[in-house]
Structure formats: C-alpha cells, structure tokens
Amino acid sequence: MYSCTFRWYDSICFLILLQASPRYHFFFCPPFSKGGFLADLQGDLQCYVTEELNIRKLDTCSDPTKFATLKAEPNFALLGKRLGKEIGKVTKAVKEMSQEDLLCFQKSESVVLGGYTLSSDDISIKHEFRVPDGYAKSDIDAASGEDGVMVVLELTVDQKLLDSGAARELVNRVQKLRKSVGLQSSDEILVFFEGQADADSHPREAMMRMFQNEAKYLNAALGCELRHASVKPPHAVTLASDTCALSNRATFTVSLTRRCILLNERALYSACNSCDDLAAAVSAVVVSQDYSSLRAEAQAKNGTIIVVVDGKTVTIQDGKEFMLP
C-alpha cells in the first residue's frame, strides 16, 4: 500500500469505460512516482490499471468541475472557538462562495470572509458528482475518495463492448478448463470450438462476430489461434472439453488438445505425386512424431520436413503441406 498527498491541481476524475455490468466495484492503490498523479496514469501506469480493472479505456481530467460541483463546509469546531457569535455571518459567506471562488481558495488556501482570514483548516471542499452534459443519469456514475479524487464510470453499452465482455468470458472458461486438467501456464495447447447444431441464428451470428472482432485479444489471451472443430485433426489428443454459454447467448463446445501438426491433405497428396498410399504413409509417419521434434527439425531446415518412406523421399513445407501452430 502506498500513500500520497494530493494538491488542488491533482484533483482527478477517472473516466472509465466498463465492459460489463454497472454493478462493478474495485479498489485502486497503485504506486505513485514523483512525476505527478495524472502523468503516471496516462504513462507507465495506464497499462497496469486497465489490466487490473479489466477496463476498455482510461481517461484523466484535471478540471474538478467537469464531473463535480464543489461545496464548501466550514469547520464549526475550529471556527466556533475562534469566531464566537460571528460564526453565523462567516458560515453564510462560506456557503455563498461561487465555484470560481472555491477554485481560487483551493489554489491559494486562503480567503477573507466577513473580515476574517480563513485557511484550508477552516474550510473543507467537498466534491459532489454532477452528471455532465451529453449524458443521461443512467449512463454514468461515480464514487468519491479522499482529497477530491473521483472515479467516474461510463456505463453506456454498445455492441463492441458486449463482444469484448463475451470474449473475456470465453477466456475465463478456457482458463478454468485448463486448470481442471492440471495444465500449467507454460503448457502449450490448441483450442477448438464448435457451435451448437440447434442454435438460433442470432446467437450463432453473435458468436462469429465476437470471434472476428476480438480475434487479436483472444489469440493473445489464449496463447494460440482459436480454430473451428472442423479442422481438428483425428490424431489430436483431447485434454478437456466443455460447453460454454456466454452472455451474448452464444453456446458452443470448446475443446483443448495437445499441440500437434496440422496437415493439408490435398497439398500433401500433390507433394506425393498424387499417390494415395504414399500420402497416407507420409501422414502416418509425420503424425507419429513428437511435436517438439518436428518443430525443431522444421526450424533447422528453413520450414521443411523430409520424410523417407520405402526409399521415396518427400519434402513438405510449413505453411503449405503442414502447419505447426
């Protein structure tokens, strides 16, 4: 846990675009450098914050009046002893301070009211959330912290946001499936999916749209490309399989297999001079080999694997006759 002191110009509003439900709570305790709160959040800490909070976007705002109304509260305990009967007059003057007056007070930490000089010990400034122009009350919410820090949540949901949320649900399901069979984070696998045969067209379309729009995220998070079950080879060793139902109503089966070579049967047939028996023999030899050994051979030979069957030599090329995902 780190602590810091905020000056008036460090007052900040986070504008955070959530990818899930409005009922979303979090605690934010990042380490702050001396470069300034805002600079840290827009710089080195931005990636950390977005990843930790699972959010789409983080913006900062140094204008405390954009999302809040400033309210002045007199310190009655302190002023009562000092002002006596004059406290009523001074309290009224404090309550009548404009937004501009309060901003100036935050900067100077001093103001003269009713003939008395008041400091930040005498007056505390509260930030009350105000729905900014262009937003409906249901589209935005906020929570205030200490020292004028306010976290603003933008709750508007669009299709891109829904797809992003569903993609994260899928990654979570796959991670749980990996854990259920004792896989470590370093274990390499392939992931295949297959939609439900009786699924409605809308959920099926939502599933394919999610795969297309979130392909970059899914590939990075899963550590491999998500492939349709139709390209799953017969020799793939299935480690786990489960049916997933996501928030976008998409329902499909996900299967995890050990990494294995993927063969292009048509291209392999051509490389074997259109000989069925030779192509079958080459295929049997290749799929029987250890995946790591095949990958090492392909890397050492510029992406090629050489197979000798009954005195016949067949050279196959990565990306043409085979793939090593």
Protein backbone atom coordinates (compact mmCIF):
# COMPACT_ATOMS: atom_id res chain seq x y z
CA MET A 1 0.00 0.00 0.00
CA TYR A 2 1.31 3.44 -0.92
CA SER A 3 0.14 6.84 0.28
CA CYS A 4 0.46 10.31 -1.14
CA THR A 5 -0.81 13.86 -0.68
CA PHE A 6 -2.90 15.50 -3.42
CA ARG A 7 -2.71 19.21 -4.09
CA TRP A 8 -5.70 21.07 -5.51
CA TYR A 9 -4.46 20.70 -9.07
CA ASP A 10 -4.03 16.95 -8.57
CA SER A 11 -7.80 16.51 -8.21
CA ILE A 12 -8.71 13.96 -10.81
CA CYS A 13 -11.62 12.22 -12.44
CA PHE A 14 -11.12 8.80 -13.98
CA LEU A 15 -13.36 8.28 -16.98
CA ILE A 16 -13.52 4.51 -17.20
CA LEU A 17 -15.39 2.61 -19.88
CA LEU A 18 -16.53 -0.69 -18.40
CA GLN A 19 -17.06 -3.82 -20.45
CA ALA A 20 -19.52 -5.37 -18.01
CA SER A 21 -22.37 -4.65 -15.64
CA PRO A 22 -22.82 -1.24 -13.95
CA ARG A 23 -22.55 -3.07 -10.63
CA TYR A 24 -18.81 -3.08 -10.69
CA HIS A 25 -16.69 -2.29 -7.64
CA PHE A 26 -12.93 -2.01 -7.27
CA PHE A 27 -10.13 -0.64 -5.12
CA PHE A 28 -7.32 1.30 -6.70
CA CYS A 29 -3.98 1.54 -4.86
CA PRO A 30 -1.19 1.95 -7.45
CA PRO A 31 2.32 3.12 -6.66
CA PHE A 32 2.75 6.81 -7.45
CA SER A 33 6.00 8.30 -8.71
CA LYS A 34 7.06 11.89 -8.18
CA GLY A 35 6.11 12.76 -11.75
CA GLY A 36 2.51 13.51 -10.77
CA PHE A 37 -0.69 11.56 -10.46
CA LEU A 38 -2.10 12.40 -13.88
CA ALA A 39 1.18 11.83 -15.69
CA ASP A 40 1.56 8.41 -14.07
CA LEU A 41 -1.93 7.29 -15.06
CA GLN A 42 -1.50 8.39 -18.66
CA GLY A 43 2.01 6.98 -18.79
CA ASP A 44 3.62 3.98 -17.14
CA LEU A 45 0.61 3.02 -15.02
CA GLN A 46 -2.04 3.08 -17.74
CA CYS A 47 -1.46 -0.49 -18.89
CA TYR A 48 -1.32 -1.70 -15.29
CA VAL A 49 -4.61 -0.01 -14.36
CA THR A 50 -6.54 -1.15 -17.43
CA GLU A 51 -5.36 -4.74 -16.99
CA GLU A 52 -6.01 -4.89 -13.26
CA LEU A 53 -9.50 -3.40 -13.53
CA ASN A 54 -10.38 -5.16 -16.80
CA ILE A 55 -11.49 -1.92 -18.45
CA ARG A 56 -11.52 -0.76 -22.05
CA LYS A 57 -10.29 2.80 -21.66
CA LEU A 58 -8.98 5.16 -19.02
CA ASP A 59 -9.01 8.96 -19.36
CA THR A 60 -7.94 11.56 -16.83
CA CYS A 61 -9.31 15.03 -16.19
CA SER A 62 -7.63 17.81 -14.22
CA ASP A 63 -10.75 20.03 -14.21
CA PRO A 64 -12.55 19.28 -10.91
CA THR A 65 -15.74 21.00 -12.12
CA LYS A 66 -16.26 18.85 -15.22
CA PHE A 67 -17.79 15.99 -13.27
CA ALA A 68 -18.42 17.56 -9.89
CA THR A 69 -19.90 20.52 -8.06
CA LEU A 70 -17.69 21.98 -5.35
CA LYS A 71 -19.25 22.51 -1.94
CA ALA A 72 -17.63 24.39 0.97
CA GLU A 73 -18.06 23.08 4.51
CA PRO A 74 -16.99 25.25 7.47
CA ASN A 75 -15.06 23.62 10.29
CA PHE A 76 -17.55 24.52 13.02
CA ALA A 77 -15.49 23.06 15.84
CA LEU A 78 -12.49 25.21 14.96
CA LEU A 79 -14.34 28.36 13.85
CA GLY A 80 -16.75 28.30 16.81
CA LYS A 81 -13.94 28.75 19.29
CA ARG A 82 -12.32 31.44 17.20
CA LEU A 83 -15.30 33.50 15.98
CA GLY A 84 -17.86 33.08 18.72
CA LYS A 85 -21.10 34.87 17.78
CA GLU A 86 -19.63 35.92 14.42
CA ILE A 87 -19.67 32.33 13.16
CA GLY A 88 -23.17 32.68 11.69
CA LYS A 89 -22.12 35.55 9.44
CA VAL A 90 -18.96 33.79 8.31
CA THR A 91 -20.76 30.50 7.74
CA LYS A 92 -23.26 32.23 5.47
CA ALA A 93 -20.42 33.81 3.49
CA VAL A 94 -18.73 30.41 3.11
CA LYS A 95 -21.94 28.83 1.83
CA GLU A 96 -22.34 31.64 -0.72
CA MET A 97 -18.89 31.13 -2.30
CA SER A 98 -19.14 30.54 -6.06
CA GLN A 99 -17.42 27.74 -7.95
CA GLU A 100 -14.77 30.23 -9.10
CA ASP A 101 -14.27 31.39 -5.50
CA LEU A 102 -13.79 27.81 -4.35
CA LEU A 103 -11.27 27.07 -7.09
CA CYS A 104 -9.28 30.14 -6.14
CA PHE A 105 -9.46 29.12 -2.49
CA GLN A 106 -8.15 25.65 -3.32
CA LYS A 107 -5.22 27.23 -5.11
CA SER A 108 -4.34 29.89 -2.53
CA GLU A 109 -5.60 28.02 0.55
CA SER A 110 -6.70 31.36 1.98
CA VAL A 111 -9.74 33.63 1.71
CA VAL A 112 -11.10 36.68 3.58
CA LEU A 113 -14.77 36.42 4.56
CA GLY A 114 -16.64 38.68 6.97
CA GLY A 115 -13.41 40.38 7.89
CA TYR A 116 -11.69 37.12 8.90
CA THR A 117 -8.91 35.31 7.06
CA LEU A 118 -9.79 31.64 6.66
CA SER A 119 -7.43 28.83 5.69
CA SER A 120 -7.85 25.27 4.46
CA ASP A 121 -8.07 24.23 8.12
CA ASP A 122 -11.20 26.37 8.47
CA ILE A 123 -12.93 25.29 5.25
CA SER A 124 -13.07 21.85 3.63
CA ILE A 125 -14.05 21.40 0.00
CA LYS A 126 -16.37 18.53 -0.95
CA HIS A 127 -16.83 17.19 -4.47
CA GLU A 128 -20.39 16.15 -5.31
CA PHE A 129 -20.79 14.21 -8.55
CA ARG A 130 -22.64 16.02 -11.31
CA VAL A 131 -23.89 14.34 -14.48
CA PRO A 132 -22.04 16.14 -17.30
CA ASP A 133 -23.73 17.48 -20.41
CA GLY A 134 -24.44 14.87 -23.06
CA TYR A 135 -25.03 12.01 -20.59
CA ALA A 136 -28.20 10.50 -19.19
CA LYS A 137 -28.19 9.75 -15.47
CA SER A 138 -28.39 6.02 -16.20
CA ASP A 139 -25.28 6.15 -18.42
CA ILE A 140 -22.77 7.38 -15.86
CA ASP A 141 -22.00 7.04 -12.17
CA ALA A 142 -19.20 7.98 -9.80
CA ALA A 143 -17.61 7.30 -6.44
CA SER A 144 -15.61 9.86 -4.49
CA GLY A 145 -12.49 9.19 -2.45
CA GLU A 146 -10.20 11.29 -0.31
CA ASP A 147 -8.56 14.56 -1.35
CA GLY A 148 -11.01 15.30 -4.14
CA VAL A 149 -10.29 12.14 -6.11
CA MET A 150 -13.30 10.91 -8.03
CA VAL A 151 -13.75 7.74 -10.11
CA VAL A 152 -16.29 8.17 -12.89
CA LEU A 153 -17.77 5.10 -14.57
CA GLU A 154 -19.25 5.42 -18.02
CA LEU A 155 -21.86 2.69 -18.26
CA THR A 156 -23.03 3.08 -21.86
CA VAL A 157 -23.06 -0.33 -23.51
CA ASP A 158 -22.62 -0.84 -27.26
CA GLN A 159 -22.13 -3.95 -29.39
CA LYS A 160 -18.35 -3.68 -29.34
CA LEU A 161 -18.40 -3.58 -25.56
CA LEU A 162 -20.69 -6.61 -25.39
CA ASP A 163 -18.41 -8.56 -27.73
CA SER A 164 -15.42 -7.64 -25.62
CA GLY A 165 -17.16 -8.82 -22.47
CA ALA A 166 -18.17 -12.13 -24.08
CA ALA A 167 -14.59 -12.67 -25.26
CA ARG A 168 -13.33 -12.24 -21.72
CA GLU A 169 -15.93 -14.71 -20.51
CA LEU A 170 -14.64 -17.23 -23.03
CA VAL A 171 -11.03 -16.74 -21.95
CA ASN A 172 -12.09 -17.24 -18.34
CA ARG A 173 -13.85 -20.51 -19.24
CA VAL A 174 -10.79 -21.77 -21.11
CA GLN A 175 -8.50 -20.89 -18.20
CA LYS A 176 -10.76 -22.78 -15.79
CA LEU A 177 -10.81 -25.74 -18.20
CA ARG A 178 -7.00 -25.70 -18.32
CA LYS A 179 -6.86 -25.67 -14.55
CA SER A 180 -9.33 -28.55 -14.27
CA VAL A 181 -6.90 -30.89 -16.08
CA GLY A 182 -3.81 -29.63 -14.29
CA LEU A 183 -2.27 -27.64 -17.13
CA GLN A 184 0.38 -25.09 -16.24
CA SER A 185 0.60 -21.63 -17.82
CA SER A 186 3.66 -22.78 -19.79
CA ASP A 187 1.88 -25.81 -21.29
CA GLU A 188 1.15 -25.26 -24.97
CA ILE A 189 -2.22 -26.35 -26.30
CA LEU A 190 -4.62 -25.88 -29.19
CA VAL A 191 -8.18 -24.62 -28.72
CA PHE A 192 -11.07 -25.68 -30.97
CA PHE A 193 -14.73 -24.63 -30.91
CA GLU A 194 -17.95 -25.91 -32.41
CA GLY A 195 -21.34 -24.18 -32.31
CA GLN A 196 -24.47 -25.97 -31.19
CA ALA A 197 -26.25 -27.58 -34.12
CA ASP A 198 -29.69 -26.42 -32.95
CA ALA A 199 -28.58 -22.89 -32.02
CA ASP A 200 -30.65 -19.91 -33.19
CA SER A 201 -29.16 -17.78 -35.94
CA HIS A 202 -28.75 -14.68 -33.76
CA PRO A 203 -26.59 -16.30 -31.06
CA ARG A 204 -24.57 -18.06 -33.75
CA GLU A 205 -24.01 -14.76 -35.55
CA ALA A 206 -23.07 -13.13 -32.23
CA MET A 207 -20.51 -15.88 -31.64
CA MET A 208 -18.88 -15.48 -35.05
CA ARG A 209 -18.88 -11.68 -34.76
CA MET A 210 -17.16 -11.95 -31.38
CA PHE A 211 -14.51 -14.31 -32.77
CA GLN A 212 -13.86 -11.95 -35.65
CA ASN A 213 -13.85 -8.65 -33.74
CA GLU A 214 -11.93 -9.97 -30.73
CA ALA A 215 -9.52 -12.26 -32.61
CA LYS A 216 -6.41 -10.31 -31.59
CA TYR A 217 -7.34 -10.34 -27.91
CA LEU A 218 -8.40 -14.00 -27.94
CA ASN A 219 -5.21 -15.17 -29.65
CA ALA A 220 -3.04 -13.25 -27.19
CA ALA A 221 -5.00 -14.33 -24.10
CA LEU A 222 -5.29 -18.00 -25.13
CA GLY A 223 -1.75 -18.25 -26.47
CA CYS A 224 -2.97 -19.74 -29.74
CA GLU A 225 -5.42 -19.18 -32.56
CA LEU A 226 -9.00 -20.25 -31.87
CA ARG A 227 -9.90 -22.80 -34.57
CA HIS A 228 -13.13 -24.41 -35.69
CA ALA A 229 -13.58 -28.06 -34.75
CA SER A 230 -13.83 -28.96 -38.44
CA VAL A 231 -10.05 -28.54 -38.78
CA LYS A 232 -9.27 -30.57 -35.65
CA PRO A 233 -7.14 -33.50 -36.86
CA PRO A 234 -8.02 -37.10 -35.91
CA HIS A 235 -4.62 -37.54 -34.25
CA ALA A 236 -5.13 -34.56 -31.87
CA VAL A 237 -5.12 -35.67 -28.22
CA THR A 238 -8.09 -34.07 -26.46
CA LEU A 239 -7.30 -32.97 -22.91
CA ALA A 240 -10.61 -31.41 -21.94
CA SER A 241 -13.92 -30.37 -23.45
CA ASP A 242 -16.85 -28.33 -22.16
CA THR A 243 -19.94 -26.48 -23.34
CA CYS A 244 -19.88 -22.70 -22.89
CA ALA A 245 -22.91 -20.42 -22.72
CA LEU A 246 -21.92 -16.75 -22.84
CA SER A 247 -23.76 -13.54 -22.03
CA ASN A 248 -24.32 -12.87 -25.76
CA ARG A 249 -26.42 -16.10 -25.81
CA ALA A 250 -23.79 -17.90 -27.87
CA THR A 251 -23.50 -21.58 -26.92
CA PHE A 252 -20.70 -23.79 -28.21
CA THR A 253 -18.31 -26.55 -27.25
CA VAL A 254 -14.67 -25.77 -26.52
CA SER A 255 -12.01 -28.48 -26.74
CA LEU A 256 -8.40 -28.30 -25.58
CA THR A 257 -5.85 -30.56 -27.25
CA ARG A 258 -2.12 -31.07 -27.07
CA ARG A 259 -0.20 -29.16 -29.70
CA CYS A 260 0.11 -31.23 -32.85
CA ILE A 261 0.95 -30.88 -36.51
CA LEU A 262 -1.90 -29.85 -38.82
CA LEU A 263 -1.73 -31.40 -42.28
CA ASN A 264 -3.16 -30.06 -45.54
CA GLU A 265 -4.25 -33.38 -47.01
CA ARG A 266 -4.78 -32.01 -50.53
CA ALA A 267 -1.36 -30.33 -50.67
CA LEU A 268 0.29 -33.43 -49.16
CA TYR A 269 -1.37 -35.59 -51.81
CA SER A 270 0.13 -33.36 -54.53
CA ALA A 271 3.58 -33.45 -52.88
CA CYS A 272 3.39 -37.28 -53.03
CA ASN A 273 2.82 -37.19 -56.81
CA SER A 274 -0.89 -37.89 -56.30
CA CYS A 275 -0.15 -41.30 -54.80
CA ASP A 276 -2.71 -42.21 -52.14
CA ASP A 277 -0.57 -44.89 -50.50
CA LEU A 278 2.50 -42.67 -50.29
CA ALA A 279 0.47 -39.73 -48.93
CA ALA A 280 -1.08 -41.99 -46.26
CA ALA A 281 2.32 -43.36 -45.29
CA VAL A 282 3.90 -39.90 -45.05
CA SER A 283 0.95 -38.69 -43.00
CA ALA A 284 1.27 -41.66 -40.62
CA VAL A 285 4.99 -41.06 -40.16
CA VAL A 286 4.61 -37.34 -39.52
CA VAL A 287 1.73 -37.51 -37.02
CA SER A 288 3.54 -40.22 -35.06
CA GLN A 289 6.47 -37.88 -34.37
CA ASP A 290 6.85 -35.77 -31.25
CA TYR A 291 5.61 -32.21 -31.83
CA SER A 292 8.71 -30.59 -30.36
CA SER A 293 10.98 -32.71 -32.55
CA LEU A 294 9.03 -31.79 -35.67
CA ARG A 295 9.19 -28.10 -34.81
CA ALA A 296 12.92 -28.29 -34.15
CA GLU A 297 13.50 -30.03 -37.49
CA ALA A 298 11.39 -27.51 -39.38
CA GLN A 299 13.22 -24.60 -37.76
CA ALA A 300 16.60 -26.14 -38.58
CA LYS A 301 15.66 -26.79 -42.22
CA ASN A 302 14.03 -23.46 -43.17
CA GLY A 303 10.50 -24.68 -42.55
CA THR A 304 10.77 -28.06 -44.24
CA ILE A 305 10.43 -31.65 -43.04
CA ILE A 306 11.94 -34.51 -45.00
CA VAL A 307 10.19 -37.89 -44.84
CA VAL A 308 11.58 -41.10 -46.35
CA VAL A 309 9.13 -43.98 -46.93
CA ASP A 310 10.12 -47.19 -48.75
CA GLY A 311 13.08 -45.44 -50.33
CA LYS A 312 10.99 -42.49 -51.53
CA THR A 313 11.85 -39.00 -50.22
CA VAL A 314 9.10 -36.48 -49.74
CA THR A 315 9.80 -32.88 -48.66
CA ILE A 316 6.91 -30.96 -47.12
CA GLN A 317 6.84 -27.22 -46.40
CA ASP A 318 5.49 -25.35 -43.38
CA GLY A 319 2.51 -23.25 -44.47
CA LYS A 320 1.85 -25.44 -47.49
CA GLU A 321 1.60 -29.14 -46.66
CA PHE A 322 1.59 -28.68 -42.90
CA MET A 323 1.34 -26.19 -40.05
CA LEU A 324 2.96 -26.23 -36.62
CA PRO A 325 0.69 -23.89 -34.62
